[in-house]
């Protein structure tokens, strides 16, 4: 039985980030984050965690039917953000320079490169 979702955790991986899978059946694969689900602590990564879905044909909706393959969400803990300079790295949060309303920025722990524009 699935437990009720708790408060959303702070996720340091966002949409359009390039990530590498560090654990699980797709270990070693890289892909772009398509969608984030902060309440569940999961993200949808391009061509990672592929699952098969059997669909029934429905002529009214122009659905052909058969076996379709699509991505399933993967835990954020199984991913690392890829820095263009260093490769897969941990992320740290820096205070935003300038505007106080901007919040914090994500940066590479190795080289200090800021990921947020």
PDB file of N, CA and C in Angstrom:
ATOM      1  N   UNK A   1       0.835  -1.179   0.000  1.00  0.00           N
ATOM      2  CA  UNK A   1       0.000   0.000   0.000  1.00  0.00           C
ATOM      3  C   UNK A   1       0.880   1.242   0.000  1.00  0.00           C
ATOM      4  N   UNK A   2       0.506   2.214  -0.792  1.00  0.00           N
ATOM      5  CA  UNK A   2       1.284   3.436  -0.925  1.00  0.00           C
ATOM      6  C   UNK A   2       0.964   4.376   0.220  1.00  0.00           C
ATOM      7  N   UNK A   3       2.003   4.960   0.828  1.00  0.00           N
ATOM      8  CA  UNK A   3       1.767   5.887   1.928  1.00  0.00           C
ATOM      9  C   UNK A   3       1.413   7.269   1.382  1.00  0.00           C
ATOM     10  N   UNK A   4       0.786   8.065   2.218  1.00  0.00           N
ATOM     11  CA  UNK A   4       0.377   9.410   1.815  1.00  0.00           C
ATOM     12  C   UNK A   4       1.612  10.287   1.617  1.00  0.00           C
ATOM     13  N   UNK A   5       1.612  11.140   0.585  1.00  0.00           N
ATOM     14  CA  UNK A   5       2.781  11.979   0.353  1.00  0.00           C
ATOM     15  C   UNK A   5       2.987  12.977   1.480  1.00  0.00           C
ATOM     16  N   UNK A   6       4.239  13.163   1.846  1.00  0.00           N
ATOM     17  CA  UNK A   6       4.578  14.127   2.888  1.00  0.00           C
ATOM     18  C   UNK A   6       4.800  15.494   2.236  1.00  0.00           C
ATOM     19  N   UNK A   7       5.302  16.431   3.002  1.00  0.00           N
ATOM     20  CA  UNK A   7       5.569  17.747   2.435  1.00  0.00           C
ATOM     21  C   UNK A   7       6.640  17.624   1.356  1.00  0.00           C
ATOM     22  N   UNK A   8       6.544  18.428   0.297  1.00  0.00           N
ATOM     23  CA  UNK A   8       7.518  18.321  -0.791  1.00  0.00           C
ATOM     24  C   UNK A   8       8.938  18.591  -0.302  1.00  0.00           C
ATOM     25  N   UNK A   9       9.869  17.749  -0.725  1.00  0.00           N
ATOM     26  CA  UNK A   9      11.256  17.952  -0.336  1.00  0.00           C
ATOM     27  C   UNK A   9      11.915  18.918  -1.315  1.00  0.00           C
ATOM     28  N   UNK A  10      12.996  19.535  -0.867  1.00  0.00           N
ATOM     29  CA  UNK A  10      13.719  20.463  -1.719  1.00  0.00           C
ATOM     30  C   UNK A  10      14.477  19.653  -2.763  1.00  0.00           C
ATOM     31  N   UNK A  11      14.164  19.897  -4.021  1.00  0.00           N
ATOM     32  CA  UNK A  11      14.819  19.172  -5.103  1.00  0.00           C
ATOM     33  C   UNK A  11      15.824  20.088  -5.790  1.00  0.00           C
ATOM     34  N   UNK A  12      17.038  19.600  -5.955  1.00  0.00           N
ATOM     35  CA  UNK A  12      18.076  20.383  -6.601  1.00  0.00           C
ATOM     36  C   UNK A  12      18.186  20.055  -8.090  1.00  0.00           C
ATOM     37  N   UNK A  13      17.305  19.199  -8.577  1.00  0.00           N
ATOM     38  CA  UNK A  13      17.258  18.867  -9.999  1.00  0.00           C
ATOM     39  C   UNK A  13      15.951  19.407 -10.555  1.00  0.00           C
ATOM     40  N   UNK A  14      16.046  20.107 -11.663  1.00  0.00           N
ATOM     41  CA  UNK A  14      14.875  20.760 -12.262  1.00  0.00           C
ATOM     42  C   UNK A  14      14.704  20.362 -13.718  1.00  0.00           C
ATOM     43  N   UNK A  15      13.616  20.821 -14.313  1.00  0.00           N
ATOM     44  CA  UNK A  15      13.323  20.550 -15.712  1.00  0.00           C
ATOM     45  C   UNK A  15      14.440  21.101 -16.599  1.00  0.00           C
ATOM     46  N   UNK A  16      14.755  20.379 -17.668  1.00  0.00           N
ATOM     47  CA  UNK A  16      15.775  20.715 -18.670  1.00  0.00           C
ATOM     48  C   UNK A  16      17.215  20.549 -18.175  1.00  0.00           C
ATOM     49  N   UNK A  17      17.427  19.994 -16.977  1.00  0.00           N
ATOM     50  CA  UNK A  17      18.781  19.701 -16.508  1.00  0.00           C
ATOM     51  C   UNK A  17      19.272  18.416 -17.168  1.00  0.00           C
ATOM     52  N   UNK A  18      20.585  18.303 -17.351  1.00  0.00           N
ATOM     53  CA  UNK A  18      21.191  17.083 -17.848  1.00  0.00           C
ATOM     54  C   UNK A  18      21.641  16.276 -16.635  1.00  0.00           C
ATOM     55  N   UNK A  19      21.171  15.031 -16.525  1.00  0.00           N
ATOM     56  CA  UNK A  19      21.466  14.215 -15.354  1.00  0.00           C
ATOM     57  C   UNK A  19      22.032  12.861 -15.764  1.00  0.00           C
ATOM     58  N   UNK A  20      22.700  12.201 -14.792  1.00  0.00           N
ATOM     59  CA  UNK A  20      23.225  10.854 -14.988  1.00  0.00           C
ATOM     60  C   UNK A  20      22.637   9.956 -13.918  1.00  0.00           C
ATOM     61  N   UNK A  21      22.242   8.742 -14.299  1.00  0.00           N
ATOM     62  CA  UNK A  21      21.679   7.776 -13.356  1.00  0.00           C
ATOM     63  C   UNK A  21      22.837   7.075 -12.647  1.00  0.00           C
ATOM     64  N   UNK A  22      22.818   7.098 -11.305  1.00  0.00           N
ATOM     65  CA  UNK A  22      23.917   6.505 -10.534  1.00  0.00           C
ATOM     66  C   UNK A  22      23.520   5.213  -9.841  1.00  0.00           C
ATOM     67  N   UNK A  23      22.231   4.848  -9.883  1.00  0.00           N
ATOM     68  CA  UNK A  23      21.777   3.610  -9.253  1.00  0.00           C
ATOM     69  C   UNK A  23      20.533   3.105  -9.963  1.00  0.00           C
ATOM     70  N   UNK A  24      20.326   1.806  -9.897  1.00  0.00           N
ATOM     71  CA  UNK A  24      19.131   1.217 -10.482  1.00  0.00           C
ATOM     72  C   UNK A  24      19.428   0.488 -11.778  1.00  0.00           C
ATOM     73  N   UNK A  25      18.395   0.055 -12.441  1.00  0.00           N
ATOM     74  CA  UNK A  25      18.568  -0.765 -13.642  1.00  0.00           C
ATOM     75  C   UNK A  25      19.130   0.010 -14.826  1.00  0.00           C
ATOM     76  N   UNK A  26      19.014   1.331 -14.820  1.00  0.00           N
ATOM     77  CA  UNK A  26      19.533   2.159 -15.911  1.00  0.00           C
ATOM     78  C   UNK A  26      20.811   2.894 -15.519  1.00  0.00           C
ATOM     79  N   UNK A  27      21.560   2.336 -14.583  1.00  0.00           N
ATOM     80  CA  UNK A  27      22.784   2.965 -14.086  1.00  0.00           C
ATOM     81  C   UNK A  27      23.738   3.271 -15.246  1.00  0.00           C
ATOM     82  N   UNK A  28      24.247   4.518 -15.258  1.00  0.00           N
ATOM     83  CA  UNK A  28      25.182   4.932 -16.297  1.00  0.00           C
ATOM     84  C   UNK A  28      24.551   5.730 -17.422  1.00  0.00           C
ATOM     85  N   UNK A  29      23.235   5.671 -17.564  1.00  0.00           N
ATOM     86  CA  UNK A  29      22.560   6.409 -18.633  1.00  0.00           C
ATOM     87  C   UNK A  29      22.483   7.892 -18.300  1.00  0.00           C
ATOM     88  N   UNK A  30      22.455   8.714 -19.354  1.00  0.00           N
ATOM     89  CA  UNK A  30      22.307  10.151 -19.200  1.00  0.00           C
ATOM     90  C   UNK A  30      21.074  10.598 -19.952  1.00  0.00           C
ATOM     91  N   UNK A  31      20.486  11.697 -19.516  1.00  0.00           N
ATOM     92  CA  UNK A  31      19.327  12.230 -20.216  1.00  0.00           C
ATOM     93  C   UNK A  31      18.906  13.566 -19.656  1.00  0.00           C
ATOM     94  N   UNK A  32      17.985  14.196 -20.370  1.00  0.00           N
ATOM     95  CA  UNK A  32      17.464  15.495 -19.971  1.00  0.00           C
ATOM     96  C   UNK A  32      16.195  15.293 -19.151  1.00  0.00           C
ATOM     97  N   UNK A  33      16.026  16.105 -18.120  1.00  0.00           N
ATOM     98  CA  UNK A  33      14.838  16.012 -17.270  1.00  0.00           C
ATOM     99  C   UNK A  33      13.658  16.621 -18.039  1.00  0.00           C
ATOM    100  N   UNK A  34      12.605  15.826 -18.226  1.00  0.00           N
ATOM    101  CA  UNK A  34      11.429  16.280 -18.957  1.00  0.00           C
ATOM    102  C   UNK A  34      10.396  16.926 -18.042  1.00  0.00           C
ATOM    103  N   UNK A  35      10.275  16.390 -16.817  1.00  0.00           N
ATOM    104  CA  UNK A  35       9.256  16.875 -15.888  1.00  0.00           C
ATOM    105  C   UNK A  35       9.674  16.517 -14.464  1.00  0.00           C
ATOM    106  N   UNK A  36       9.324  17.368 -13.507  1.00  0.00           N
ATOM    107  CA  UNK A  36       9.662  17.116 -12.108  1.00  0.00           C
ATOM    108  C   UNK A  36       8.392  16.945 -11.283  1.00  0.00           C
ATOM    109  N   UNK A  37       8.443  16.037 -10.318  1.00  0.00           N
ATOM    110  CA  UNK A  37       7.342  15.793  -9.396  1.00  0.00           C
ATOM    111  C   UNK A  37       7.863  15.979  -7.972  1.00  0.00           C
ATOM    112  N   UNK A  38       7.934  17.225  -7.470  1.00  0.00           N
ATOM    113  CA  UNK A  38       8.537  17.486  -6.157  1.00  0.00           C
ATOM    114  C   UNK A  38       7.814  16.811  -5.007  1.00  0.00           C
ATOM    115  N   UNK A  39       6.511  16.654  -5.087  1.00  0.00           N
ATOM    116  CA  UNK A  39       5.756  16.039  -3.994  1.00  0.00           C
ATOM    117  C   UNK A  39       6.173  14.582  -3.791  1.00  0.00           C
ATOM    118  N   UNK A  40       6.528  13.896  -4.875  1.00  0.00           N
ATOM    119  CA  UNK A  40       6.944  12.494  -4.774  1.00  0.00           C
ATOM    120  C   UNK A  40       8.456  12.339  -4.715  1.00  0.00           C
ATOM    121  N   UNK A  41       9.213  13.407  -5.000  1.00  0.00           N
ATOM    122  CA  UNK A  41      10.671  13.313  -5.025  1.00  0.00           C
ATOM    123  C   UNK A  41      11.170  12.551  -6.235  1.00  0.00           C
ATOM    124  N   UNK A  42      10.464  12.677  -7.356  1.00  0.00           N
ATOM    125  CA  UNK A  42      10.802  11.952  -8.576  1.00  0.00           C
ATOM    126  C   UNK A  42      10.859  12.900  -9.763  1.00  0.00           C
ATOM    127  N   UNK A  43      11.549  12.468 -10.815  1.00  0.00           N
ATOM    128  CA  UNK A  43      11.592  13.223 -12.063  1.00  0.00           C
ATOM    129  C   UNK A  43      11.450  12.270 -13.235  1.00  0.00           C
ATOM    130  N   UNK A  44      11.050  12.807 -14.366  1.00  0.00           N
ATOM    131  CA  UNK A  44      10.922  12.046 -15.603  1.00  0.00           C
ATOM    132  C   UNK A  44      12.138  12.390 -16.456  1.00  0.00           C
ATOM    133  N   UNK A  45      12.955  11.390 -16.788  1.00  0.00           N
ATOM    134  CA  UNK A  45      14.183  11.613 -17.552  1.00  0.00           C
ATOM    135  C   UNK A  45      14.038  10.960 -18.918  1.00  0.00           C
ATOM    136  N   UNK A  46      14.498  11.682 -19.927  1.00  0.00           N
ATOM    137  CA  UNK A  46      14.396  11.242 -21.311  1.00  0.00           C
ATOM    138  C   UNK A  46      15.128   9.918 -21.525  1.00  0.00           C
ATOM    139  N   UNK A  47      14.426   8.893 -22.052  1.00  0.00           N
ATOM    140  CA  UNK A  47      14.963   7.568 -22.381  1.00  0.00           C
ATOM    141  C   UNK A  47      15.553   6.814 -21.190  1.00  0.00           C
ATOM    142  N   UNK A  48      15.038   7.074 -19.974  1.00  0.00           N
ATOM    143  CA  UNK A  48      15.469   6.366 -18.764  1.00  0.00           C
ATOM    144  C   UNK A  48      14.229   5.804 -18.085  1.00  0.00           C
ATOM    145  N   UNK A  49      14.333   4.612 -17.494  1.00  0.00           N
ATOM    146  CA  UNK A  49      13.214   3.931 -16.823  1.00  0.00           C
ATOM    147  C   UNK A  49      12.064   3.687 -17.811  1.00  0.00           C
ATOM    148  N   UNK A  50      12.388   3.123 -18.956  1.00  0.00           N
ATOM    149  CA  UNK A  50      11.368   2.859 -19.972  1.00  0.00           C
ATOM    150  C   UNK A  50      10.483   1.691 -19.524  1.00  0.00           C
ATOM    151  N   UNK A  51       9.177   1.871 -19.635  1.00  0.00           N
ATOM    152  CA  UNK A  51       8.208   0.832 -19.298  1.00  0.00           C
ATOM    153  C   UNK A  51       7.274   0.620 -20.487  1.00  0.00           C
ATOM    154  N   UNK A  52       6.690  -0.558 -20.536  1.00  0.00           N
ATOM    155  CA  UNK A  52       5.769  -0.874 -21.628  1.00  0.00           C
ATOM    156  C   UNK A  52       4.334  -0.766 -21.138  1.00  0.00           C
ATOM    157  N   UNK A  53       3.494  -0.210 -21.975  1.00  0.00           N
ATOM    158  CA  UNK A  53       2.087  -0.030 -21.632  1.00  0.00           C
ATOM    159  C   UNK A  53       1.248  -0.651 -22.740  1.00  0.00           C
ATOM    160  N   UNK A  54       0.366  -1.565 -22.365  1.00  0.00           N
ATOM    161  CA  UNK A  54      -0.514  -2.205 -23.340  1.00  0.00           C
ATOM    162  C   UNK A  54      -1.768  -1.347 -23.490  1.00  0.00           C
ATOM    163  N   UNK A  55      -2.008  -0.872 -24.704  1.00  0.00           N
ATOM    164  CA  UNK A  55      -3.171  -0.009 -24.938  1.00  0.00           C
ATOM    165  C   UNK A  55      -4.143  -0.678 -25.898  1.00  0.00           C
ATOM    166  N   UNK A  56      -5.403  -0.486 -25.630  1.00  0.00           N
ATOM    167  CA  UNK A  56      -6.465  -1.035 -26.458  1.00  0.00           C
ATOM    168  C   UNK A  56      -6.786  -0.038 -27.575  1.00  0.00           C
ATOM    169  N   UNK A  57      -7.050  -0.501 -28.776  1.00  0.00           N
ATOM    170  CA  UNK A  57      -7.394   0.427 -29.859  1.00  0.00           C
ATOM    171  C   UNK A  57      -8.707   1.150 -29.580  1.00  0.00           C
ATOM    172  N   UNK A  58      -8.762   2.427 -29.911  1.00  0.00           N
ATOM    173  CA  UNK A  58      -9.970   3.229 -29.760  1.00  0.00           C
ATOM    174  C   UNK A  58     -10.114   4.101 -31.010  1.00  0.00           C
ATOM    175  N   UNK A  59     -10.920   3.662 -31.963  1.00  0.00           N
ATOM    176  CA  UNK A  59     -11.049   4.405 -33.227  1.00  0.00           C
ATOM    177  C   UNK A  59     -11.617   5.828 -33.040  1.00  0.00           C
ATOM    178  N   UNK A  60     -12.423   6.038 -32.003  1.00  0.00           N
ATOM    179  CA  UNK A  60     -12.998   7.364 -31.775  1.00  0.00           C
ATOM    180  C   UNK A  60     -11.933   8.402 -31.441  1.00  0.00           C
ATOM    181  N   UNK A  61     -10.872   7.978 -30.762  1.00  0.00           N
ATOM    182  CA  UNK A  61      -9.789   8.903 -30.381  1.00  0.00           C
ATOM    183  C   UNK A  61      -8.552   8.745 -31.256  1.00  0.00           C
ATOM    184  N   UNK A  62      -8.643   7.977 -32.334  1.00  0.00           N
ATOM    185  CA  UNK A  62      -7.524   7.699 -33.238  1.00  0.00           C
ATOM    186  C   UNK A  62      -6.337   7.064 -32.500  1.00  0.00           C
ATOM    187  N   UNK A  63      -6.630   6.165 -31.542  1.00  0.00           N
ATOM    188  CA  UNK A  63      -5.585   5.425 -30.849  1.00  0.00           C
ATOM    189  C   UNK A  63      -5.457   4.068 -31.529  1.00  0.00           C
ATOM    190  N   UNK A  64      -4.248   3.777 -31.995  1.00  0.00           N
ATOM    191  CA  UNK A  64      -4.025   2.563 -32.765  1.00  0.00           C
ATOM    192  C   UNK A  64      -4.044   1.309 -31.898  1.00  0.00           C
ATOM    193  N   UNK A  65      -3.458   1.381 -30.720  1.00  0.00           N
ATOM    194  CA  UNK A  65      -3.407   0.214 -29.843  1.00  0.00           C
ATOM    195  C   UNK A  65      -2.109  -0.547 -30.019  1.00  0.00           C
ATOM    196  N   UNK A  66      -1.833  -1.461 -29.100  1.00  0.00           N
ATOM    197  CA  UNK A  66      -0.614  -2.251 -29.126  1.00  0.00           C
ATOM    198  C   UNK A  66       0.210  -2.000 -27.876  1.00  0.00           C
ATOM    199  N   UNK A  67       1.512  -2.244 -27.993  1.00  0.00           N
ATOM    200  CA  UNK A  67       2.410  -2.062 -26.854  1.00  0.00           C
ATOM    201  C   UNK A  67       3.206  -0.779 -27.070  1.00  0.00           C
ATOM    202  N   UNK A  68       2.979   0.196 -26.193  1.00  0.00           N
ATOM    203  CA  UNK A  68       3.672   1.482 -26.279  1.00  0.00           C
ATOM    204  C   UNK A  68       4.720   1.552 -25.182  1.00  0.00           C
ATOM    205  N   UNK A  69       5.863   2.167 -25.494  1.00  0.00           N
ATOM    206  CA  UNK A  69       6.933   2.339 -24.518  1.00  0.00           C
ATOM    207  C   UNK A  69       7.032   3.808 -24.147  1.00  0.00           C
ATOM    208  N   UNK A  70       7.154   4.080 -22.856  1.00  0.00           N
ATOM    209  CA  UNK A  70       7.326   5.461 -22.404  1.00  0.00           C
ATOM    210  C   UNK A  70       8.139   5.486 -21.113  1.00  0.00           C
ATOM    211  N   UNK A  71       8.554   6.704 -20.709  1.00  0.00           N
ATOM    212  CA  UNK A  71       9.368   6.862 -19.513  1.00  0.00           C
ATOM    213  C   UNK A  71       8.511   6.815 -18.259  1.00  0.00           C
ATOM    214  N   UNK A  72       9.085   6.286 -17.193  1.00  0.00           N
ATOM    215  CA  UNK A  72       8.445   6.306 -15.879  1.00  0.00           C
ATOM    216  C   UNK A  72       9.301   7.185 -14.961  1.00  0.00           C
ATOM    217  N   UNK A  73       8.687   7.799 -13.938  1.00  0.00           N
ATOM    218  CA  UNK A  73       9.466   8.648 -13.033  1.00  0.00           C
ATOM    219  C   UNK A  73      10.520   7.843 -12.266  1.00  0.00           C
ATOM    220  N   UNK A  74      11.644   8.501 -11.966  1.00  0.00           N
ATOM    221  CA  UNK A  74      12.746   7.882 -11.239  1.00  0.00           C
ATOM    222  C   UNK A  74      13.073   8.743 -10.023  1.00  0.00           C
ATOM    223  N   UNK A  75      13.517   8.120  -8.940  1.00  0.00           N
ATOM    224  CA  UNK A  75      13.840   8.833  -7.710  1.00  0.00           C
ATOM    225  C   UNK A  75      14.990   9.817  -7.933  1.00  0.00           C
ATOM    226  N   UNK A  76      14.888  10.991  -7.337  1.00  0.00           N
ATOM    227  CA  UNK A  76      15.932  12.010  -7.453  1.00  0.00           C
ATOM    228  C   UNK A  76      17.235  11.535  -6.812  1.00  0.00           C
ATOM    229  N   UNK A  77      17.141  10.704  -5.779  1.00  0.00           N
ATOM    230  CA  UNK A  77      18.326  10.197  -5.096  1.00  0.00           C
ATOM    231  C   UNK A  77      19.186   9.327  -6.006  1.00  0.00           C
ATOM    232  N   UNK A  78      18.619   8.807  -7.088  1.00  0.00           N
ATOM    233  CA  UNK A  78      19.350   7.950  -8.013  1.00  0.00           C
ATOM    234  C   UNK A  78      19.970   8.735  -9.161  1.00  0.00           C
ATOM    235  N   UNK A  79      19.957  10.063  -9.090  1.00  0.00           N
ATOM    236  CA  UNK A  79      20.459  10.911 -10.170  1.00  0.00           C
ATOM    237  C   UNK A  79      21.518  11.869  -9.665  1.00  0.00           C
ATOM    238  N   UNK A  80      22.427  12.266 -10.570  1.00  0.00           N
ATOM    239  CA  UNK A  80      23.392  13.333 -10.295  1.00  0.00           C
ATOM    240  C   UNK A  80      23.342  14.317 -11.443  1.00  0.00           C
ATOM    241  N   UNK A  81      23.400  15.591 -11.109  1.00  0.00           N
ATOM    242  CA  UNK A  81      23.422  16.642 -12.108  1.00  0.00           C
ATOM    243  C   UNK A  81      24.775  16.631 -12.818  1.00  0.00           C
ATOM    244  N   UNK A  82      24.781  16.889 -14.135  1.00  0.00           N
ATOM    245  CA  UNK A  82      26.023  16.885 -14.894  1.00  0.00           C
ATOM    246  C   UNK A  82      26.478  18.319 -15.123  1.00  0.00           C
ATOM    247  N   UNK A  83      27.681  18.623 -14.633  1.00  0.00           N
ATOM    248  CA  UNK A  83      28.309  19.929 -14.851  1.00  0.00           C
ATOM    249  C   UNK A  83      29.045  19.859 -16.194  1.00  0.00           C
ATOM    250  N   UNK A  84      28.910  20.864 -17.068  1.00  0.00           N
ATOM    251  CA  UNK A  84      29.606  20.826 -18.361  1.00  0.00           C
ATOM    252  C   UNK A  84      31.132  20.758 -18.214  1.00  0.00           C
ATOM    253  N   UNK A  85      31.672  21.242 -17.096  1.00  0.00           N
ATOM    254  CA  UNK A  85      33.125  21.244 -16.894  1.00  0.00           C
ATOM    255  C   UNK A  85      33.615  19.987 -16.183  1.00  0.00           C
ATOM    256  N   UNK A  86      32.887  19.555 -15.143  1.00  0.00           N
ATOM    257  CA  UNK A  86      33.372  18.480 -14.253  1.00  0.00           C
ATOM    258  C   UNK A  86      32.757  17.116 -14.527  1.00  0.00           C
ATOM    259  N   UNK A  87      31.562  17.051 -15.073  1.00  0.00           N
ATOM    260  CA  UNK A  87      30.842  15.793 -15.212  1.00  0.00           C
ATOM    261  C   UNK A  87      29.803  15.682 -14.109  1.00  0.00           C
ATOM    262  N   UNK A  88      29.425  14.455 -13.679  1.00  0.00           N
ATOM    263  CA  UNK A  88      28.430  14.303 -12.622  1.00  0.00           C
ATOM    264  C   UNK A  88      28.949  14.854 -11.291  1.00  0.00           C
ATOM    265  N   UNK A  89      28.181  15.743 -10.674  1.00  0.00           N
ATOM    266  CA  UNK A  89      28.633  16.397  -9.443  1.00  0.00           C
ATOM    267  C   UNK A  89      27.493  16.543  -8.450  1.00  0.00           C
ATOM    268  N   UNK A  90      27.870  16.806  -7.201  1.00  0.00           N
ATOM    269  CA  UNK A  90      26.898  17.196  -6.196  1.00  0.00           C
ATOM    270  C   UNK A  90      26.593  18.673  -6.398  1.00  0.00           C
ATOM    271  N   UNK A  91      25.461  19.096  -5.891  1.00  0.00           N
ATOM    272  CA  UNK A  91      25.036  20.481  -6.076  1.00  0.00           C
ATOM    273  C   UNK A  91      24.979  21.168  -4.725  1.00  0.00           C
ATOM    274  N   UNK A  92      25.441  22.402  -4.672  1.00  0.00           N
ATOM    275  CA  UNK A  92      25.304  23.200  -3.450  1.00  0.00           C
ATOM    276  C   UNK A  92      24.486  24.427  -3.777  1.00  0.00           C
ATOM    277  N   UNK A  93      23.960  25.045  -2.734  1.00  0.00           N
ATOM    278  CA  UNK A  93      23.118  26.227  -2.925  1.00  0.00           C
ATOM    279  C   UNK A  93      23.866  27.456  -2.430  1.00  0.00           C
ATOM    280  N   UNK A  94      23.901  28.469  -3.272  1.00  0.00           N
ATOM    281  CA  UNK A  94      24.560  29.731  -2.962  1.00  0.00           C
ATOM    282  C   UNK A  94      23.514  30.822  -2.832  1.00  0.00           C
ATOM    283  N   UNK A  95      23.760  31.831  -1.991  1.00  0.00           N
ATOM    284  CA  UNK A  95      22.839  32.961  -1.961  1.00  0.00           C
ATOM    285  C   UNK A  95      22.883  33.685  -3.302  1.00  0.00           C
ATOM    286  N   UNK A  96      21.723  34.086  -3.796  1.00  0.00           N
ATOM    287  CA  UNK A  96      21.654  34.756  -5.099  1.00  0.00           C
ATOM    288  C   UNK A  96      22.294  36.129  -5.007  1.00  0.00           C
ATOM    289  N   UNK A  97      23.063  36.462  -6.013  1.00  0.00           N
ATOM    290  CA  UNK A  97      23.690  37.786  -6.041  1.00  0.00           C
ATOM    291  C   UNK A  97      22.675  38.801  -6.546  1.00  0.00           C
ATOM    292  N   UNK A  98      22.638  39.971  -5.922  1.00  0.00           N
ATOM    293  CA  UNK A  98      21.732  41.027  -6.373  1.00  0.00           C
ATOM    294  C   UNK A  98      20.389  40.961  -5.691  1.00  0.00           C
ATOM    295  N   UNK A  99      19.355  40.608  -6.436  1.00  0.00           N
ATOM    296  CA  UNK A  99      17.970  40.651  -5.970  1.00  0.00           C
ATOM    297  C   UNK A  99      17.723  39.639  -4.853  1.00  0.00           C
ATOM    298  N   UNK A 100      17.224  40.099  -3.727  1.00  0.00           N
ATOM    299  CA  UNK A 100      16.960  39.221  -2.579  1.00  0.00           C
ATOM    300  C   UNK A 100      15.776  38.301  -2.850  1.00  0.00           C
ATOM    301  N   UNK A 101      14.862  38.717  -3.735  1.00  0.00           N
ATOM    302  CA  UNK A 101      13.682  37.914  -4.042  1.00  0.00           C
ATOM    303  C   UNK A 101      14.031  36.718  -4.929  1.00  0.00           C
ATOM    304  N   UNK A 102      15.214  36.715  -5.509  1.00  0.00           N
ATOM    305  CA  UNK A 102      15.604  35.638  -6.421  1.00  0.00           C
ATOM    306  C   UNK A 102      15.835  34.323  -5.688  1.00  0.00           C
ATOM    307  N   UNK A 103      16.058  34.365  -4.373  1.00  0.00           N
ATOM    308  CA  UNK A 103      16.271  33.145  -3.609  1.00  0.00           C
ATOM    309  C   UNK A 103      17.706  32.689  -3.689  1.00  0.00           C
ATOM    310  N   UNK A 104      17.902  31.389  -3.899  1.00  0.00           N
ATOM    311  CA  UNK A 104      19.251  30.836  -3.952  1.00  0.00           C
ATOM    312  C   UNK A 104      19.527  30.263  -5.330  1.00  0.00           C
ATOM    313  N   UNK A 105      20.816  30.124  -5.632  1.00  0.00           N
ATOM    314  CA  UNK A 105      21.223  29.553  -6.907  1.00  0.00           C
ATOM    315  C   UNK A 105      21.886  28.202  -6.669  1.00  0.00           C
ATOM    316  N   UNK A 106      21.790  27.322  -7.670  1.00  0.00           N
ATOM    317  CA  UNK A 106      22.452  26.024  -7.600  1.00  0.00           C
ATOM    318  C   UNK A 106      23.834  26.154  -8.234  1.00  0.00           C
ATOM    319  N   UNK A 107      24.829  25.543  -7.611  1.00  0.00           N
ATOM    320  CA  UNK A 107      26.198  25.624  -8.128  1.00  0.00           C
ATOM    321  C   UNK A 107      26.890  24.271  -7.992  1.00  0.00           C
ATOM    322  N   UNK A 108      27.893  24.048  -8.824  1.00  0.00           N
ATOM    323  CA  UNK A 108      28.705  22.835  -8.797  1.00  0.00           C
ATOM    324  C   UNK A 108      29.583  22.861  -7.551  1.00  0.00           C
ATOM    325  N   UNK A 109      29.677  21.739  -6.848  1.00  0.00           N
ATOM    326  CA  UNK A 109      30.498  21.683  -5.642  1.00  0.00           C
ATOM    327  C   UNK A 109      31.992  21.627  -5.979  1.00  0.00           C
ATOM    328  N   UNK A 110      32.350  21.140  -7.170  1.00  0.00           N
ATOM    329  CA  UNK A 110      33.764  21.032  -7.543  1.00  0.00           C
ATOM    330  C   UNK A 110      34.319  22.354  -8.060  1.00  0.00           C
ATOM    331  N   UNK A 111      33.675  22.911  -9.101  1.00  0.00           N
ATOM    332  CA  UNK A 111      34.248  24.094  -9.759  1.00  0.00           C
ATOM    333  C   UNK A 111      33.538  25.391  -9.414  1.00  0.00           C
ATOM    334  N   UNK A 112      32.342  25.327  -8.817  1.00  0.00           N
ATOM    335  CA  UNK A 112      31.615  26.521  -8.434  1.00  0.00           C
ATOM    336  C   UNK A 112      30.774  27.126  -9.530  1.00  0.00           C
ATOM    337  N   UNK A 113      30.672  26.462 -10.684  1.00  0.00           N
ATOM    338  CA  UNK A 113      29.865  26.979 -11.795  1.00  0.00           C
ATOM    339  C   UNK A 113      28.400  27.044 -11.389  1.00  0.00           C
ATOM    340  N   UNK A 114      27.738  28.177 -11.664  1.00  0.00           N
ATOM    341  CA  UNK A 114      26.332  28.378 -11.304  1.00  0.00           C
ATOM    342  C   UNK A 114      25.462  27.829 -12.426  1.00  0.00           C
ATOM    343  N   UNK A 115      24.479  26.984 -12.066  1.00  0.00           N
ATOM    344  CA  UNK A 115      23.587  26.377 -13.058  1.00  0.00           C
ATOM    345  C   UNK A 115      22.402  27.275 -13.388  1.00  0.00           C
ATOM    346  N   UNK A 116      21.945  28.090 -12.437  1.00  0.00           N
ATOM    347  CA  UNK A 116      20.791  28.950 -12.657  1.00  0.00           C
ATOM    348  C   UNK A 116      21.241  30.265 -13.266  1.00  0.00           C
ATOM    349  N   UNK A 117      20.471  30.721 -14.236  1.00  0.00           N
ATOM    350  CA  UNK A 117      20.822  31.994 -14.880  1.00  0.00           C
ATOM    351  C   UNK A 117      20.187  33.135 -14.156  1.00  0.00           C
TER     352      UNK A 117
END
